[in-house]
């Protein structure tokens, strides 16, 4: 918020929309904004926010090597980040003001430090 000049009604939230914490995070946001949601900016696969040498998926997917995953686990792991983004959008869109906006910020996938699963997930997020 500080680097943006403190715009009116801007609420920055550091939280998670993983299934076990999503409802609590959204409740905190809605309480912080007096139950008003004008715009949402969601990110996926954005390296520069994760810190140097890390990808957005470092703690969720990077430990798996692509061809060591069995056939049954691949579909879930291949779209894990997209599923999280979908879940967040499904929860937040109904709360959005009728003149509001929902913006996805996604990474470019060109970084050679990104895991193969991270790159696959990034492409899935771009499809949303």
Foldseek 3Di string as FASTA:
>chain_A
DVVVPPDPQDDDDDDDLDPVCNVVRVVVVCVVRVLAAAEAEAEAQDQVVVDPLATRCRPPQPVDAVVVDDPVCVVCLLAVRVVSVVSNCVVCVVSYDPNHYYHYHYDPLPDPSAHPSSSSNRVSNVVD
